[in-house]
Amino acid sequence: MGPIKVFNAIGNWPYSIHLLTSYGIYIYTFDKDLTNRTEIFPDFKNNLKIEKKLILRIYFNDDYSEIAGNSFGYAFLTKIYTS
C-alpha cells in the first residue's frame, strides 16, 4: 500500500486535531489546549501527550486540500475509483 500520505490537518480546537491521510482519518485528542503555545512549547515532547486516538478507515485515492470545516464537522469532495 505504500507510505502514508497526510493530505490535510484539521484542527478541532482546543484539544483535538484530525489528519486526513491515505489510510483514513486519524483523530488525536491531547491533554493540553493546542491553541495555548505556552502550555506546549518549548518542551513539546514531554508536554504534549495523546489522550485518545481514533482511526476511521476510509481510503482515499487523491490529494485533498480543499476542506470546509466548522464546529459541527468538516466536508470535502472525493473521487473513488472502483472496478
C-alpha atoms as a PDB file:
ATOM      1  CA  MET A   1       0.000   0.000   0.000  1.00  0.00           C
ATOM      2  CA  GLY A   2       2.997   2.321   0.301  1.00  0.00           C
ATOM      3  CA  PRO A   3       3.917   5.057   2.733  1.00  0.00           C
ATOM      4  CA  ILE A   4       1.281   7.095   4.494  1.00  0.00           C
ATOM      5  CA  LYS A   5       0.442  10.448   2.878  1.00  0.00           C
ATOM      6  CA  VAL A   6      -1.013  13.223   5.015  1.00  0.00           C
ATOM      7  CA  PHE A   7      -3.298  15.282   2.778  1.00  0.00           C
ATOM      8  CA  ASN A   8      -4.553  17.803   5.329  1.00  0.00           C
ATOM      9  CA  ALA A   9      -4.740  18.610   9.032  1.00  0.00           C
ATOM     10  CA  ILE A  10      -7.969  19.958  10.509  1.00  0.00           C
ATOM     11  CA  GLY A  11      -7.966  21.498  13.958  1.00  0.00           C
ATOM     12  CA  ASN A  12     -10.871  20.632  16.232  1.00  0.00           C
ATOM     13  CA  TRP A  13      -9.811  23.209  18.804  1.00  0.00           C
ATOM     14  CA  PRO A  14      -8.795  23.312  21.503  1.00  0.00           C
ATOM     15  CA  TYR A  15      -7.856  19.669  22.241  1.00  0.00           C
ATOM     16  CA  SER A  16      -8.111  17.646  19.012  1.00  0.00           C
ATOM     17  CA  ILE A  17      -6.588  17.514  15.564  1.00  0.00           C
ATOM     18  CA  HIS A  18      -7.776  15.425  12.607  1.00  0.00           C
ATOM     19  CA  LEU A  19      -5.341  14.198   9.965  1.00  0.00           C
ATOM     20  CA  LEU A  20      -6.774  13.278   6.569  1.00  0.00           C
ATOM     21  CA  THR A  21      -4.393  10.614   5.206  1.00  0.00           C
ATOM     22  CA  SER A  22      -4.181   7.987   2.501  1.00  0.00           C
ATOM     23  CA  TYR A  23      -5.037   5.337   5.136  1.00  0.00           C
ATOM     24  CA  GLY A  24      -8.002   7.093   6.704  1.00  0.00           C
ATOM     25  CA  ILE A  25      -8.806   9.885   9.123  1.00  0.00           C
ATOM     26  CA  TYR A  26      -6.681   9.915  12.281  1.00  0.00           C
ATOM     27  CA  ILE A  27      -8.213  11.800  15.199  1.00  0.00           C
ATOM     28  CA  TYR A  28      -5.863  12.690  18.055  1.00  0.00           C
ATOM     29  CA  THR A  29      -7.088  14.180  21.332  1.00  0.00           C
ATOM     30  CA  PHE A  30      -4.499  15.739  23.638  1.00  0.00           C
ATOM     31  CA  ASP A  31      -4.480  16.662  27.315  1.00  0.00           C
ATOM     32  CA  LYS A  32      -3.327  20.243  26.600  1.00  0.00           C
ATOM     33  CA  ASP A  33      -5.003  23.179  24.911  1.00  0.00           C
ATOM     34  CA  LEU A  34      -3.454  23.181  21.420  1.00  0.00           C
ATOM     35  CA  THR A  35      -4.174  26.884  20.977  1.00  0.00           C
ATOM     36  CA  ASN A  36      -2.062  27.797  24.024  1.00  0.00           C
ATOM     37  CA  ARG A  37       1.577  27.622  22.907  1.00  0.00           C
ATOM     38  CA  THR A  38       2.950  28.312  26.377  1.00  0.00           C
ATOM     39  CA  GLU A  39       1.443  25.005  27.625  1.00  0.00           C
ATOM     40  CA  ILE A  40       3.178  23.038  24.859  1.00  0.00           C
ATOM     41  CA  PHE A  41       6.473  24.728  23.936  1.00  0.00           C
ATOM     42  CA  PRO A  42       9.454  24.680  24.306  1.00  0.00           C
ATOM     43  CA  ASP A  43       9.411  21.067  25.621  1.00  0.00           C
ATOM     44  CA  PHE A  44       6.602  19.679  23.432  1.00  0.00           C
ATOM     45  CA  LYS A  45       7.865  16.069  23.640  1.00  0.00           C
ATOM     46  CA  ASN A  46       7.094  15.975  27.363  1.00  0.00           C
ATOM     47  CA  ASN A  47       4.223  18.469  27.471  1.00  0.00           C
ATOM     48  CA  LEU A  48       2.077  17.089  24.649  1.00  0.00           C
ATOM     49  CA  LYS A  49       0.602  13.648  25.408  1.00  0.00           C
ATOM     50  CA  ILE A  50      -2.071  11.872  23.352  1.00  0.00           C
ATOM     51  CA  GLU A  51      -5.116  11.056  25.492  1.00  0.00           C
ATOM     52  CA  LYS A  52      -7.142   9.299  22.811  1.00  0.00           C
ATOM     53  CA  LYS A  53      -6.586   8.147  19.219  1.00  0.00           C
ATOM     54  CA  LEU A  54      -9.324   7.170  16.777  1.00  0.00           C
ATOM     55  CA  ILE A  55      -8.781   5.930  13.226  1.00  0.00           C
ATOM     56  CA  LEU A  56     -11.586   5.977  10.648  1.00  0.00           C
ATOM     57  CA  ARG A  57     -10.537   3.522   7.920  1.00  0.00           C
ATOM     58  CA  ILE A  58     -11.640   5.430   4.823  1.00  0.00           C
ATOM     59  CA  TYR A  59      -9.196   5.100   1.935  1.00  0.00           C
ATOM     60  CA  PHE A  60      -8.651   7.988  -0.467  1.00  0.00           C
ATOM     61  CA  ASN A  61      -7.017   7.975  -3.892  1.00  0.00           C
ATOM     62  CA  ASP A  62      -6.252  11.665  -4.398  1.00  0.00           C
ATOM     63  CA  ASP A  63      -4.783  14.668  -2.605  1.00  0.00           C
ATOM     64  CA  TYR A  64      -7.437  16.652  -0.725  1.00  0.00           C
ATOM     65  CA  SER A  65      -6.591  20.171   0.331  1.00  0.00           C
ATOM     66  CA  GLU A  66      -9.961  21.898  -0.069  1.00  0.00           C
ATOM     67  CA  ILE A  67     -11.799  21.164   3.162  1.00  0.00           C
ATOM     68  CA  ALA A  68     -14.596  23.175   4.743  1.00  0.00           C
ATOM     69  CA  GLY A  69     -14.959  22.894   8.494  1.00  0.00           C
ATOM     70  CA  ASN A  70     -16.865  24.394  11.380  1.00  0.00           C
ATOM     71  CA  SER A  71     -17.741  23.454  14.969  1.00  0.00           C
ATOM     72  CA  PHE A  72     -20.053  20.655  13.769  1.00  0.00           C
ATOM     73  CA  GLY A  73     -17.665  18.851  11.437  1.00  0.00           C
ATOM     74  CA  TYR A  74     -15.995  19.129   8.037  1.00  0.00           C
ATOM     75  CA  ALA A  75     -16.829  18.364   4.441  1.00  0.00           C
ATOM     76  CA  PHE A  76     -14.841  17.677   1.285  1.00  0.00           C
ATOM     77  CA  LEU A  77     -15.357  16.253  -2.174  1.00  0.00           C
ATOM     78  CA  THR A  78     -13.673  12.985  -3.058  1.00  0.00           C
ATOM     79  CA  LYS A  79     -13.218  10.674  -6.038  1.00  0.00           C
ATOM     80  CA  ILE A  80     -13.089   6.933  -5.501  1.00  0.00           C
ATOM     81  CA  TYR A  81     -12.010   4.670  -8.349  1.00  0.00           C
ATOM     82  CA  THR A  82     -13.711   1.293  -8.434  1.00  0.00           C
ATOM     83  CA  SER A  83     -13.590  -1.599 -10.860  1.00  0.00           C
END
